[in-house]
Structures are given as structure tokens and as C-alpha cells.
C-alpha atoms as a PDB file:
ATOM      1  CA  MET A   1      85.095 319.240 229.041  1.00  0.00           C
ATOM      2  CA  LEU A   2      83.044 320.397 231.977  1.00  0.00           C
ATOM      3  CA  ARG A   3      83.765 319.608 235.623  1.00  0.00           C
ATOM      4  CA  PRO A   4      81.037 319.914 238.260  1.00  0.00           C
ATOM      5  CA  GLU A   5      81.400 322.412 241.068  1.00  0.00           C
ATOM      6  CA  PRO A   6      79.381 322.365 244.302  1.00  0.00           C
ATOM      7  CA  LEU A   7      75.957 323.994 244.065  1.00  0.00           C
ATOM      8  CA  THR A   8      75.716 327.084 246.285  1.00  0.00           C
ATOM      9  CA  LYS A   9      73.271 329.976 246.384  1.00  0.00           C
ATOM     10  CA  ALA A  10      75.990 332.486 245.467  1.00  0.00           C
ATOM     11  CA  ARG A  11      77.348 330.500 242.518  1.00  0.00           C
ATOM     12  CA  PHE A  12      73.893 329.722 241.111  1.00  0.00           C
ATOM     13  CA  ALA A  13      72.355 333.202 241.641  1.00  0.00           C
ATOM     14  CA  PRO A  14      72.756 334.356 237.991  1.00  0.00           C
ATOM     15  CA  PHE A  15      70.664 331.354 236.878  1.00  0.00           C
ATOM     16  CA  GLY A  16      68.045 331.109 239.636  1.00  0.00           C
ATOM     17  CA  ASP A  17      67.423 329.955 243.184  1.00  0.00           C
ATOM     18  CA  VAL A  18      68.952 327.075 245.110  1.00  0.00           C
ATOM     19  CA  VAL A  19      66.047 325.500 246.966  1.00  0.00           C
ATOM     20  CA  GLU A  20      67.205 324.186 250.331  1.00  0.00           C
ATOM     21  CA  ILE A  21      66.447 324.664 253.995  1.00  0.00           C
ATOM     22  CA  GLU A  22      70.105 325.223 254.902  1.00  0.00           C
ATOM     23  CA  GLY A  23      70.294 328.713 256.411  1.00  0.00           C
ATOM     24  CA  ALA A  24      66.513 329.324 256.260  1.00  0.00           C
ATOM     25  CA  GLU A  25      64.593 330.314 259.402  1.00  0.00           C
ATOM     26  CA  PRO A  26      61.671 327.949 260.006  1.00  0.00           C
ATOM     27  CA  LEU A  27      58.242 328.838 261.306  1.00  0.00           C
ATOM     28  CA  VAL A  28      57.118 326.348 263.965  1.00  0.00           C
ATOM     29  CA  ILE A  29      53.587 325.104 263.174  1.00  0.00           C
ATOM     30  CA  ASN A  30      51.170 322.261 264.017  1.00  0.00           C
ATOM     31  CA  GLN A  31      51.504 322.598 267.797  1.00  0.00           C
ATOM     32  CA  GLY A  32      55.294 322.400 267.531  1.00  0.00           C
ATOM     33  CA  PHE A  33      55.379 319.145 265.553  1.00  0.00           C
ATOM     34  CA  ALA A  34      56.403 320.694 262.226  1.00  0.00           C
ATOM     35  CA  ARG A  35      58.628 323.423 260.874  1.00  0.00           C
ATOM     36  CA  ARG A  36      57.715 325.347 257.714  1.00  0.00           C
ATOM     37  CA  PHE A  37      60.397 326.954 255.558  1.00  0.00           C
ATOM     38  CA  ASP A  38      58.890 329.760 253.444  1.00  0.00           C
ATOM     39  CA  ASP A  39      60.045 331.709 250.385  1.00  0.00           C
ATOM     40  CA  LEU A  40      62.697 329.261 249.198  1.00  0.00           C
ATOM     41  CA  ALA A  41      62.198 330.173 245.511  1.00  0.00           C
ATOM     42  CA  GLY A  42      60.556 332.833 243.383  1.00  0.00           C
ATOM     43  CA  ILE A  43      57.943 331.112 241.213  1.00  0.00           C
ATOM     44  CA  ASP A  44      57.417 333.203 238.054  1.00  0.00           C
ATOM     45  CA  VAL A  45      54.687 331.690 235.863  1.00  0.00           C
ATOM     46  CA  ALA A  46      51.990 334.352 235.308  1.00  0.00           C
ATOM     47  CA  ALA A  47      53.212 335.708 231.925  1.00  0.00           C
ATOM     48  CA  GLU A  48      50.576 335.547 229.183  1.00  0.00           C
ATOM     49  CA  GLY A  49      47.932 334.053 231.477  1.00  0.00           C
ATOM     50  CA  GLY A  50      50.013 331.173 232.834  1.00  0.00           C
ATOM     51  CA  SER A  51      49.606 329.475 236.179  1.00  0.00           C
ATOM     52  CA  ALA A  52      51.631 327.065 238.298  1.00  0.00           C
ATOM     53  CA  LYS A  53      51.501 323.325 237.764  1.00  0.00           C
ATOM     54  CA  VAL A  54      53.028 320.715 240.039  1.00  0.00           C
ATOM     55  CA  SER A  55      54.326 317.506 238.458  1.00  0.00           C
ATOM     56  CA  LEU A  56      56.329 314.459 239.453  1.00  0.00           C
ATOM     57  CA  PHE A  57      59.191 313.429 237.177  1.00  0.00           C
ATOM     58  CA  LYS A  58      60.905 310.044 237.116  1.00  0.00           C
ATOM     59  CA  ALA A  59      64.347 310.378 235.591  1.00  0.00           C
ATOM     60  CA  LYS A  60      66.863 307.739 234.595  1.00  0.00           C
ATOM     61  CA  PRO A  61      70.609 308.171 234.095  1.00  0.00           C
ATOM     62  CA  ARG A  62      72.056 309.005 230.710  1.00  0.00           C
ATOM     63  CA  PRO A  63      74.932 306.929 229.315  1.00  0.00           C
ATOM     64  CA  LEU A  64      78.437 307.907 230.439  1.00  0.00           C
ATOM     65  CA  PRO A  65      80.241 310.010 229.513  1.00  0.00           C
ATOM     66  CA  ILE A  66      77.438 312.576 229.576  1.00  0.00           C
ATOM     67  CA  THR A  67      77.318 314.589 226.373  1.00  0.00           C
ATOM     68  CA  ILE A  68      75.746 318.037 226.375  1.00  0.00           C
ATOM     69  CA  ASN A  69      74.498 318.554 222.829  1.00  0.00           C
ATOM     70  CA  MET A  70      71.496 320.828 223.328  1.00  0.00           C
ATOM     71  CA  MET A  71      70.114 323.351 225.767  1.00  0.00           C
ATOM     72  CA  GLU A  72      66.616 324.559 226.534  1.00  0.00           C
ATOM     73  CA  ARG A  73      64.949 327.511 228.199  1.00  0.00           C
ATOM     74  CA  HIS A  74      61.460 328.627 229.167  1.00  0.00           C
ATOM     75  CA  PRO A  75      60.717 332.223 228.125  1.00  0.00           C
ATOM     76  CA  LEU A  76      57.375 332.492 229.952  1.00  0.00           C
ATOM     77  CA  GLY A  77      58.175 331.098 233.369  1.00  0.00           C
ATOM     78  CA  SER A  78      60.550 329.746 235.959  1.00  0.00           C
ATOM     79  CA  GLN A  79      60.995 325.998 236.464  1.00  0.00           C
ATOM     80  CA  LEU A  80      61.714 324.354 239.834  1.00  0.00           C
ATOM     81  CA  PHE A  81      63.168 320.853 240.367  1.00  0.00           C
ATOM     82  CA  PHE A  82      63.433 319.269 243.813  1.00  0.00           C
ATOM     83  CA  PRO A  83      64.609 315.673 244.412  1.00  0.00           C
ATOM     84  CA  LEU A  84      62.440 313.323 246.435  1.00  0.00           C
ATOM     85  CA  GLN A  85      65.323 311.138 247.576  1.00  0.00           C
ATOM     86  CA  ASN A  86      68.744 311.843 248.975  1.00  0.00           C
ATOM     87  CA  ARG A  87      70.828 311.253 245.835  1.00  0.00           C
ATOM     88  CA  PRO A  88      73.280 313.613 244.118  1.00  0.00           C
ATOM     89  CA  TRP A  89      72.377 315.002 240.694  1.00  0.00           C
ATOM     90  CA  LEU A  90      73.792 317.495 238.185  1.00  0.00           C
ATOM     91  CA  VAL A  91      72.652 320.920 237.017  1.00  0.00           C
ATOM     92  CA  VAL A  92      73.983 322.310 233.703  1.00  0.00           C
ATOM     93  CA  VAL A  93      73.381 325.966 232.801  1.00  0.00           C
ATOM     94  CA  CYS A  94      74.847 328.617 230.542  1.00  0.00           C
ATOM     95  CA  SER A  95      74.284 332.206 229.543  1.00  0.00           C
ATOM     96  CA  ASP A  96      74.745 331.476 225.820  1.00  0.00           C
ATOM     97  CA  PRO A  97      74.691 327.986 224.236  1.00  0.00           C
ATOM     98  CA  ASP A  98      76.998 329.226 221.466  1.00  0.00           C
ATOM     99  CA  GLN A  99      79.732 330.205 223.937  1.00  0.00           C
ATOM    100  CA  GLN A 100      81.303 327.186 225.610  1.00  0.00           C
ATOM    101  CA  GLU A 101      83.011 329.360 228.215  1.00  0.00           C
ATOM    102  CA  SER A 102      79.579 330.397 229.569  1.00  0.00           C
ATOM    103  CA  PHE A 103      78.678 326.832 230.654  1.00  0.00           C
ATOM    104  CA  ARG A 104      78.614 325.802 234.321  1.00  0.00           C
ATOM    105  CA  VAL A 105      77.955 322.391 235.858  1.00  0.00           C
ATOM    106  CA  PHE A 106      76.844 322.140 239.465  1.00  0.00           C
ATOM    107  CA  SER A 107      76.783 319.063 241.662  1.00  0.00           C
ATOM    108  CA  ALA A 108      73.602 319.180 243.741  1.00  0.00           C
ATOM    109  CA  THR A 109      72.978 317.125 246.856  1.00  0.00           C
ATOM    110  CA  GLY A 110      69.804 315.162 247.377  1.00  0.00           C
ATOM    111  CA  SER A 111      68.592 317.928 249.703  1.00  0.00           C
ATOM    112  CA  GLN A 112      69.031 320.741 247.157  1.00  0.00           C
ATOM    113  CA  GLY A 113      66.700 321.762 244.378  1.00  0.00           C
ATOM    114  CA  VAL A 114      66.962 324.505 241.783  1.00  0.00           C
ATOM    115  CA  ASN A 115      64.514 327.032 240.415  1.00  0.00           C
ATOM    116  CA  TYR A 116      65.661 328.233 236.992  1.00  0.00           C
ATOM    117  CA  LEU A 117      64.873 331.865 236.302  1.00  0.00           C
ATOM    118  CA  ARG A 118      62.735 332.580 233.267  1.00  0.00           C
ATOM    119  CA  ASN A 119      64.894 332.390 230.081  1.00  0.00           C
ATOM    120  CA  THR A 120      67.744 330.497 231.762  1.00  0.00           C
ATOM    121  CA  TRP A 121      69.444 328.068 229.393  1.00  0.00           C
ATOM    122  CA  HIS A 122      69.730 324.624 231.014  1.00  0.00           C
ATOM    123  CA  PHE A 123      70.174 320.992 230.100  1.00  0.00           C
ATOM    124  CA  PRO A 124      67.403 318.517 230.971  1.00  0.00           C
ATOM    125  CA  LEU A 125      67.428 316.648 234.253  1.00  0.00           C
ATOM    126  CA  LEU A 126      70.667 314.700 234.940  1.00  0.00           C
ATOM    127  CA  VAL A 127      70.627 311.936 237.542  1.00  0.00           C
ATOM    128  CA  PHE A 128      72.999 309.128 238.515  1.00  0.00           C
ATOM    129  CA  ASP A 129      70.545 306.543 239.888  1.00  0.00           C
ATOM    130  CA  ALA A 130      67.667 304.833 238.065  1.00  0.00           C
ATOM    131  CA  GLU A 131      64.175 306.071 238.837  1.00  0.00           C
ATOM    132  CA  SER A 132      65.209 309.268 240.583  1.00  0.00           C
ATOM    133  CA  ARG A 133      62.063 311.210 241.366  1.00  0.00           C
ATOM    134  CA  PHE A 134      61.587 314.992 241.418  1.00  0.00           C
ATOM    135  CA  ILE A 135      58.754 317.330 242.193  1.00  0.00           C
ATOM    136  CA  VAL A 136      58.598 319.991 239.487  1.00  0.00           C
ATOM    137  CA  VAL A 137      56.815 323.354 239.630  1.00  0.00           C
ATOM    138  CA  ASP A 138      56.549 325.170 236.331  1.00  0.00           C
ATOM    139  CA  ARG A 139      54.153 327.018 234.045  1.00  0.00           C
ATOM    140  CA  ILE A 140      51.029 325.814 232.325  1.00  0.00           C
ATOM    141  CA  GLY A 141      48.993 328.017 230.013  1.00  0.00           C
ATOM    142  CA  PRO A 142      48.853 329.638 226.602  1.00  0.00           C
ATOM    143  CA  GLY A 143      51.941 330.636 224.661  1.00  0.00           C
ATOM    144  CA  LEU A 144      55.131 328.873 223.658  1.00  0.00           C
ATOM    145  CA  ASN A 145      57.210 328.239 226.785  1.00  0.00           C
ATOM    146  CA  LEU A 146      59.968 326.009 225.424  1.00  0.00           C
ATOM    147  CA  GLU A 147      62.912 326.944 223.250  1.00  0.00           C
ATOM    148  CA  GLU A 148      65.532 324.341 222.393  1.00  0.00           C
ATOM    149  CA  ARG A 149      68.876 324.924 220.742  1.00  0.00           C
ATOM    150  CA  ASN A 150      71.235 322.282 219.392  1.00  0.00           C
ATOM    151  CA  MET A 151      74.847 323.110 220.114  1.00  0.00           C
ATOM    152  CA  PRO A 152      77.350 323.536 217.301  1.00  0.00           C
ATOM    153  CA  GLU A 153      79.930 321.564 219.305  1.00  0.00           C
ATOM    154  CA  PRO A 154      78.892 319.119 222.058  1.00  0.00           C
ATOM    155  CA  LEU A 155      80.516 319.266 225.493  1.00  0.00           C
ATOM    156  CA  THR A 156      81.347 316.341 227.785  1.00  0.00           C
ATOM    157  CA  ILE A 157      80.961 316.244 231.552  1.00  0.00           C
ATOM    158  CA  VAL A 158      83.726 314.570 233.519  1.00  0.00           C
ATOM    159  CA  ARG A 159      83.385 313.717 237.200  1.00  0.00           C
END
């Protein structure tokens, strides 16, 4: 069984970037009516002629208890998810899908996104509320950028 831990930049660093404005220094723009927060994530999509694409995802909750029975990764680019509403969501990653002890589950706030490093094993989007929306930045272009692996033994997330 997996128990979520709070998502922090330090804890998530081996898997990618936590995308949040907490602790970032803003640049004041638009005659002082806006603040811009730069360099929140390293977008890595140029391998084999790729480029960045921006998408909107609508995700719905999975049945409880949540079973982790597969993992995926993207060998040619990073993948960024950022929620468009203030609702908690889960992030599941591992260094090796065949080693249960390498799995981590993070509880993200509705003001935190993640940017998975290239080749980071992760489970698809996990939300608690129906029609949770995310902006997603990932790679488009030639080459195979999705690898999926079914797990020999499924894991369960407990809250």
C-alpha cells in the first residue's frame, strides 16, 4: 500500500519540477497590474525534432481504492501538468516499476503542478473531483514518446 506525502520541490526533485509560485521572485509587468513568475519548470521536448504542445485535459476520478497497475514514461520529452482549479490531486512516480519500494505518492495542492523529467515513470493523472481540468505542456513530433509497463503486482493507494 502507498500513502501520499506532501509534494515539495526537494522530495520531487529526482522526478522533475514542482511548478508553483511559492518562493519564486516575480517580475512586475503591465504597469504594475501583473506579476510574472519565470522559469518554473524546464521544458525538454526538442529530442528528435520535437516541439512543445499545449493541451487542456479534463480528468475524472478513478474508483476507490485507487489501484496502480501500470506506469508510463516519455523517453523523448518532459511532461508538465498544472491544475486549473484549486483542488488537491495525486502524483505517483517511481524509479523502477518492477521495484515496489521505489514508488512514491505525492499529494499536490490545487496551486501546484509537476513537470516530469524525460524518462520518469509515472501513473496517469489522478484527481478526486469530477471534471478536474489541467493545462498540459508536452512534446509533439516524430518518434515514439510513450512507453507503458504493466506491473507484475498492483499497488493500492490509501489516504
